[in-house]
Amino acid sequence: MPVPTEERVVALLSDLVHGKGFDLEGVTVVSAGKHSAVKIMVDREEGIDLDALPALSRDIAEAFDGVSDFGDAPYTLEVTTPGIDRPLTEDRHWRRARGRSVRIELADEKFDGRVGHLDGQSVTVVTRTKGVLATRTVELSKVIKAVVQVEFSRPKADEMELAGGVVGGRPAPADSDEIVNVETPEEGSDK
């Protein structure tokens, strides 16, 4: 495959990926001699299960095979989700990170907090300083960098409650036997 530009891959795949219910988070194209590599990063609101990526990968490969400007040279196609080290740059990234620990860098400070509700152009962040919990509002336009942090223990229930509760599919807080504010389908519904 002649090395397509990232812009060409985005143009080719945007409608396909969105039509399958995913957000196209990034495209990387690398030429390695006669063998190219194309990495497609996707995400979606409800998360991605292991069966979804192979099916999407097949659809993307078919789209590549259906265009003539990619040629016949071998290439490696990787369809993946963004890693935990992906910066939070879009509103949807902040929404998906609700309840997670994040390191935020502003012009004059860096701090760790737990992502709360996104409200227009700002996000509520739960901080803990010397054992005292507080919330603060951070304007997204002032964030230089924000990255989800790896946590090796379950979050504290009081932090999660201030952050707006547990987002579906995430573990319950460490000092709570029940999940706080989880939205679940009503019994008997087909959701």
C-alpha atoms as a PDB file:
ATOM      1  CA  MET A   1       0.000   0.000   0.000  1.00  0.00           C
ATOM      2  CA  PRO A   2       1.498   3.337  -0.857  1.00  0.00           C
ATOM      3  CA  VAL A   3       1.595   5.256   2.378  1.00  0.00           C
ATOM      4  CA  PRO A   4      -1.659   7.210   2.567  1.00  0.00           C
ATOM      5  CA  THR A   5      -1.681  10.462   4.458  1.00  0.00           C
ATOM      6  CA  GLU A   6      -3.386  10.587   7.822  1.00  0.00           C
ATOM      7  CA  GLU A   7      -5.815  13.100   6.314  1.00  0.00           C
ATOM      8  CA  ARG A   8      -6.714  10.613   3.548  1.00  0.00           C
ATOM      9  CA  VAL A   9      -7.350   7.845   6.064  1.00  0.00           C
ATOM     10  CA  VAL A  10      -9.515  10.154   8.199  1.00  0.00           C
ATOM     11  CA  ALA A  11     -11.505  11.206   5.107  1.00  0.00           C
ATOM     12  CA  LEU A  12     -11.992   7.568   4.099  1.00  0.00           C
ATOM     13  CA  LEU A  13     -12.965   6.282   7.551  1.00  0.00           C
ATOM     14  CA  SER A  14     -14.829   9.086   9.343  1.00  0.00           C
ATOM     15  CA  ASP A  15     -18.314   8.190   8.128  1.00  0.00           C
ATOM     16  CA  LEU A  16     -17.711   4.447   8.442  1.00  0.00           C
ATOM     17  CA  VAL A  17     -16.424   4.692  12.025  1.00  0.00           C
ATOM     18  CA  HIS A  18     -19.162   7.096  13.131  1.00  0.00           C
ATOM     19  CA  GLY A  19     -21.782   4.946  11.401  1.00  0.00           C
ATOM     20  CA  LYS A  20     -20.674   1.996  13.544  1.00  0.00           C
ATOM     21  CA  GLY A  21     -21.156   4.088  16.717  1.00  0.00           C
ATOM     22  CA  PHE A  22     -17.522   4.994  17.388  1.00  0.00           C
ATOM     23  CA  ASP A  23     -15.574   8.233  17.607  1.00  0.00           C
ATOM     24  CA  LEU A  24     -12.428   8.364  15.484  1.00  0.00           C
ATOM     25  CA  GLU A  25      -9.887   9.508  18.074  1.00  0.00           C
ATOM     26  CA  GLY A  26      -6.741   9.389  15.986  1.00  0.00           C
ATOM     27  CA  VAL A  27      -4.932   8.007  12.974  1.00  0.00           C
ATOM     28  CA  THR A  28      -1.223   7.270  12.699  1.00  0.00           C
ATOM     29  CA  VAL A  29       0.397   6.176   9.447  1.00  0.00           C
ATOM     30  CA  VAL A  30       3.983   4.929   9.453  1.00  0.00           C
ATOM     31  CA  SER A  31       6.061   3.829   6.497  1.00  0.00           C
ATOM     32  CA  ALA A  32       8.553   1.109   7.319  1.00  0.00           C
ATOM     33  CA  GLY A  33      10.272   0.205   4.057  1.00  0.00           C
ATOM     34  CA  LYS A  34       7.932  -1.823   1.878  1.00  0.00           C
ATOM     35  CA  HIS A  35       5.590  -2.450   4.796  1.00  0.00           C
ATOM     36  CA  SER A  36       3.337   0.331   6.118  1.00  0.00           C
ATOM     37  CA  ALA A  37       1.455   0.449   9.392  1.00  0.00           C
ATOM     38  CA  VAL A  38      -1.862   2.187   9.933  1.00  0.00           C
ATOM     39  CA  LYS A  39      -3.077   2.642  13.503  1.00  0.00           C
ATOM     40  CA  ILE A  40      -6.688   3.684  14.019  1.00  0.00           C
ATOM     41  CA  MET A  41      -7.783   4.771  17.514  1.00  0.00           C
ATOM     42  CA  VAL A  42     -11.486   4.664  18.314  1.00  0.00           C
ATOM     43  CA  ASP A  43     -13.625   5.107  21.395  1.00  0.00           C
ATOM     44  CA  ARG A  44     -17.301   5.407  22.314  1.00  0.00           C
ATOM     45  CA  GLU A  45     -19.429   6.501  25.239  1.00  0.00           C
ATOM     46  CA  GLU A  46     -20.317   3.039  26.522  1.00  0.00           C
ATOM     47  CA  GLY A  47     -16.768   1.730  26.248  1.00  0.00           C
ATOM     48  CA  ILE A  48     -15.545  -0.967  23.902  1.00  0.00           C
ATOM     49  CA  ASP A  49     -15.769  -4.695  24.445  1.00  0.00           C
ATOM     50  CA  LEU A  50     -13.280  -7.131  22.987  1.00  0.00           C
ATOM     51  CA  ASP A  51     -15.623  -8.296  20.217  1.00  0.00           C
ATOM     52  CA  ALA A  52     -16.248  -4.811  18.820  1.00  0.00           C
ATOM     53  CA  LEU A  53     -12.705  -4.061  17.622  1.00  0.00           C
ATOM     54  CA  PRO A  54     -12.187  -7.124  15.386  1.00  0.00           C
ATOM     55  CA  ALA A  55     -15.502  -6.450  13.631  1.00  0.00           C
ATOM     56  CA  LEU A  56     -14.618  -2.792  13.113  1.00  0.00           C
ATOM     57  CA  SER A  57     -11.132  -3.796  11.954  1.00  0.00           C
ATOM     58  CA  ARG A  58     -12.652  -6.035   9.261  1.00  0.00           C
ATOM     59  CA  ASP A  59     -14.896  -3.177   8.090  1.00  0.00           C
ATOM     60  CA  ILE A  60     -11.911  -0.812   7.919  1.00  0.00           C
ATOM     61  CA  ALA A  61      -9.820  -3.364   5.993  1.00  0.00           C
ATOM     62  CA  GLU A  62     -12.677  -3.745   3.494  1.00  0.00           C
ATOM     63  CA  ALA A  63     -12.805   0.037   3.072  1.00  0.00           C
ATOM     64  CA  PHE A  64      -9.046   0.105   2.398  1.00  0.00           C
ATOM     65  CA  ASP A  65      -9.374  -2.763  -0.079  1.00  0.00           C
ATOM     66  CA  GLY A  66     -12.157  -0.903  -1.866  1.00  0.00           C
ATOM     67  CA  VAL A  67     -10.051   2.117  -2.862  1.00  0.00           C
ATOM     68  CA  SER A  68      -7.495   2.089  -5.628  1.00  0.00           C
ATOM     69  CA  ASP A  69      -5.032   4.669  -4.294  1.00  0.00           C
ATOM     70  CA  PHE A  70      -3.777   2.386  -1.498  1.00  0.00           C
ATOM     71  CA  GLY A  71      -2.240  -0.123  -3.912  1.00  0.00           C
ATOM     72  CA  ASP A  72      -1.264  -3.744  -3.241  1.00  0.00           C
ATOM     73  CA  ALA A  73       1.768  -3.411  -0.954  1.00  0.00           C
ATOM     74  CA  PRO A  74       1.467  -5.132   2.443  1.00  0.00           C
ATOM     75  CA  TYR A  75       0.451  -3.141   5.480  1.00  0.00           C
ATOM     76  CA  THR A  76      -0.391  -3.742   9.097  1.00  0.00           C
ATOM     77  CA  LEU A  77      -3.717  -2.437  10.326  1.00  0.00           C
ATOM     78  CA  GLU A  78      -4.153  -1.863  14.042  1.00  0.00           C
ATOM     79  CA  VAL A  79      -7.518  -0.799  15.416  1.00  0.00           C
ATOM     80  CA  THR A  80      -7.270   0.098  19.069  1.00  0.00           C
ATOM     81  CA  THR A  81      -8.577   2.320  21.819  1.00  0.00           C
ATOM     82  CA  PRO A  82      -6.607   5.314  23.055  1.00  0.00           C
ATOM     83  CA  GLY A  83      -4.332   4.451  25.935  1.00  0.00           C
ATOM     84  CA  ILE A  84      -4.793   5.758  29.409  1.00  0.00           C
ATOM     85  CA  ASP A  85      -2.053   8.310  28.702  1.00  0.00           C
ATOM     86  CA  ARG A  86      -4.139  10.074  26.057  1.00  0.00           C
ATOM     87  CA  PRO A  87      -4.661  13.704  27.082  1.00  0.00           C
ATOM     88  CA  LEU A  88      -8.233  14.794  27.774  1.00  0.00           C
ATOM     89  CA  THR A  89      -8.756  17.324  24.982  1.00  0.00           C
ATOM     90  CA  GLU A  90     -12.412  17.005  24.001  1.00  0.00           C
ATOM     91  CA  ASP A  91     -15.616  17.333  26.013  1.00  0.00           C
ATOM     92  CA  ARG A  92     -16.339  13.648  25.378  1.00  0.00           C
ATOM     93  CA  HIS A  93     -12.970  12.684  26.920  1.00  0.00           C
ATOM     94  CA  TRP A  94     -13.881  14.522  30.133  1.00  0.00           C
ATOM     95  CA  ARG A  95     -17.363  12.944  30.175  1.00  0.00           C
ATOM     96  CA  ARG A  96     -15.883   9.466  29.775  1.00  0.00           C
ATOM     97  CA  ALA A  97     -13.323  10.148  32.516  1.00  0.00           C
ATOM     98  CA  ARG A  98     -15.923  11.067  35.154  1.00  0.00           C
ATOM     99  CA  GLY A  99     -14.984   9.383  38.412  1.00  0.00           C
ATOM    100  CA  ARG A 100     -11.392   8.791  37.359  1.00  0.00           C
ATOM    101  CA  SER A 101      -8.289  10.292  38.915  1.00  0.00           C
ATOM    102  CA  VAL A 102      -6.630  12.834  36.646  1.00  0.00           C
ATOM    103  CA  ARG A 103      -3.537  15.048  36.740  1.00  0.00           C
ATOM    104  CA  ILE A 104      -4.360  18.544  35.539  1.00  0.00           C
ATOM    105  CA  GLU A 105      -1.828  21.112  34.435  1.00  0.00           C
ATOM    106  CA  LEU A 106      -2.819  24.773  34.344  1.00  0.00           C
ATOM    107  CA  ALA A 107      -0.539  27.720  33.530  1.00  0.00           C
ATOM    108  CA  ASP A 108       0.432  28.233  37.168  1.00  0.00           C
ATOM    109  CA  GLU A 109      -0.122  24.869  38.848  1.00  0.00           C
ATOM    110  CA  LYS A 110      -0.435  21.101  38.552  1.00  0.00           C
ATOM    111  CA  PHE A 111      -2.754  19.085  40.728  1.00  0.00           C
ATOM    112  CA  ASP A 112      -4.460  15.708  40.982  1.00  0.00           C
ATOM    113  CA  GLY A 113      -8.194  15.341  41.339  1.00  0.00           C
ATOM    114  CA  ARG A 114     -11.166  13.184  40.476  1.00  0.00           C
ATOM    115  CA  VAL A 115     -13.216  14.212  37.454  1.00  0.00           C
ATOM    116  CA  GLY A 116     -16.770  15.244  38.250  1.00  0.00           C
ATOM    117  CA  HIS A 117     -19.517  16.689  36.086  1.00  0.00           C
ATOM    118  CA  LEU A 118     -18.797  18.464  32.843  1.00  0.00           C
ATOM    119  CA  ASP A 119     -20.872  21.631  32.602  1.00  0.00           C
ATOM    120  CA  GLY A 120     -20.474  23.504  29.345  1.00  0.00           C
ATOM    121  CA  GLN A 121     -16.958  24.881  29.250  1.00  0.00           C
ATOM    122  CA  SER A 122     -15.909  23.751  32.737  1.00  0.00           C
ATOM    123  CA  VAL A 123     -15.540  20.585  34.757  1.00  0.00           C
ATOM    124  CA  THR A 124     -15.913  19.980  38.481  1.00  0.00           C
ATOM    125  CA  VAL A 125     -12.861  18.321  40.000  1.00  0.00           C
ATOM    126  CA  VAL A 126     -12.764  16.718  43.452  1.00  0.00           C
ATOM    127  CA  THR A 127      -9.496  17.320  45.288  1.00  0.00           C
ATOM    128  CA  ARG A 128      -8.183  15.986  48.585  1.00  0.00           C
ATOM    129  CA  THR A 129      -5.639  18.090  50.443  1.00  0.00           C
ATOM    130  CA  LYS A 130      -4.414  16.852  53.831  1.00  0.00           C
ATOM    131  CA  GLY A 131      -7.469  14.621  54.075  1.00  0.00           C
ATOM    132  CA  VAL A 132      -9.943  17.417  53.344  1.00  0.00           C
ATOM    133  CA  LEU A 133     -12.189  17.010  50.317  1.00  0.00           C
ATOM    134  CA  ALA A 134     -13.139  19.967  48.190  1.00  0.00           C
ATOM    135  CA  THR A 135     -14.504  20.601  44.734  1.00  0.00           C
ATOM    136  CA  ARG A 136     -13.269  23.168  42.315  1.00  0.00           C
ATOM    137  CA  THR A 137     -14.417  24.269  38.929  1.00  0.00           C
ATOM    138  CA  VAL A 138     -11.822  24.223  36.189  1.00  0.00           C
ATOM    139  CA  GLU A 139     -12.373  26.049  32.926  1.00  0.00           C
ATOM    140  CA  LEU A 140     -11.436  23.709  30.096  1.00  0.00           C
ATOM    141  CA  SER A 141      -9.886  26.565  28.112  1.00  0.00           C
ATOM    142  CA  LYS A 142      -7.326  27.013  30.894  1.00  0.00           C
ATOM    143  CA  VAL A 143      -6.224  23.370  30.949  1.00  0.00           C
ATOM    144  CA  ILE A 144      -2.806  22.964  29.358  1.00  0.00           C
ATOM    145  CA  LYS A 145      -2.779  19.207  29.833  1.00  0.00           C
ATOM    146  CA  ALA A 146      -4.929  16.637  31.629  1.00  0.00           C
ATOM    147  CA  VAL A 147      -4.221  12.909  31.743  1.00  0.00           C
ATOM    148  CA  VAL A 148      -6.031  10.087  33.554  1.00  0.00           C
ATOM    149  CA  GLN A 149      -3.869   8.519  36.255  1.00  0.00           C
ATOM    150  CA  VAL A 150      -3.510   4.792  36.881  1.00  0.00           C
ATOM    151  CA  GLU A 151      -5.053   3.817  40.207  1.00  0.00           C
ATOM    152  CA  PHE A 152      -4.034   0.663  42.003  1.00  0.00           C
ATOM    153  CA  SER A 153      -6.756   0.830  44.633  1.00  0.00           C
ATOM    154  CA  ARG A 154     -10.438   1.582  44.530  1.00  0.00           C
ATOM    155  CA  PRO A 155     -11.446   5.209  44.981  1.00  0.00           C
ATOM    156  CA  LYS A 156     -12.914   6.380  48.267  1.00  0.00           C
ATOM    157  CA  ALA A 157     -16.711   6.547  48.413  1.00  0.00           C
ATOM    158  CA  ASP A 158     -16.778  10.194  49.524  1.00  0.00           C
ATOM    159  CA  GLU A 159     -14.665  11.243  46.533  1.00  0.00           C
ATOM    160  CA  MET A 160     -16.881   9.313  44.141  1.00  0.00           C
ATOM    161  CA  GLU A 161     -20.023  10.806  45.618  1.00  0.00           C
ATOM    162  CA  LEU A 162     -18.689  14.348  45.177  1.00  0.00           C
ATOM    163  CA  ALA A 163     -17.603  13.471  41.636  1.00  0.00           C
ATOM    164  CA  GLY A 164     -21.182  12.547  40.796  1.00  0.00           C
ATOM    165  CA  GLY A 165     -21.284   8.848  41.508  1.00  0.00           C
ATOM    166  CA  VAL A 166     -19.962   5.778  39.819  1.00  0.00           C
ATOM    167  CA  VAL A 167     -20.146   5.688  36.051  1.00  0.00           C
ATOM    168  CA  GLY A 168     -21.598   2.428  34.777  1.00  0.00           C
ATOM    169  CA  GLY A 169     -19.042  -0.329  34.348  1.00  0.00           C
ATOM    170  CA  ARG A 170     -16.588   1.065  36.872  1.00  0.00           C
ATOM    171  CA  PRO A 171     -15.834  -0.548  40.228  1.00  0.00           C
ATOM    172  CA  ALA A 172     -17.655   0.506  43.363  1.00  0.00           C
ATOM    173  CA  PRO A 173     -15.713   2.684  45.814  1.00  0.00           C
ATOM    174  CA  ALA A 174     -13.470   0.958  48.330  1.00  0.00           C
ATOM    175  CA  ASP A 175     -15.378   1.832  51.478  1.00  0.00           C
ATOM    176  CA  SER A 176     -18.866   1.226  50.163  1.00  0.00           C
ATOM    177  CA  ASP A 177     -20.828  -1.979  49.673  1.00  0.00           C
ATOM    178  CA  GLU A 178     -23.091  -0.412  47.116  1.00  0.00           C
ATOM    179  CA  ILE A 179     -22.620   1.652  44.014  1.00  0.00           C
ATOM    180  CA  VAL A 180     -23.523   5.317  44.348  1.00  0.00           C
ATOM    181  CA  ASN A 181     -25.897   6.940  41.802  1.00  0.00           C
ATOM    182  CA  VAL A 182     -25.627   4.277  39.107  1.00  0.00           C
ATOM    183  CA  GLU A 183     -28.129   4.621  36.293  1.00  0.00           C
ATOM    184  CA  THR A 184     -29.452   1.205  35.352  1.00  0.00           C
ATOM    185  CA  PRO A 185     -32.224   0.210  32.965  1.00  0.00           C
ATOM    186  CA  GLU A 186     -35.551  -0.438  34.604  1.00  0.00           C
ATOM    187  CA  GLU A 187     -36.338  -4.079  35.191  1.00  0.00           C
ATOM    188  CA  GLY A 188     -38.119  -5.553  32.225  1.00  0.00           C
ATOM    189  CA  SER A 189     -36.912  -2.876  29.800  1.00  0.00           C
ATOM    190  CA  ASP A 190     -35.069  -3.908  26.675  1.00  0.00           C
ATOM    191  CA  LYS A 191     -32.106  -1.593  27.194  1.00  0.00           C
END
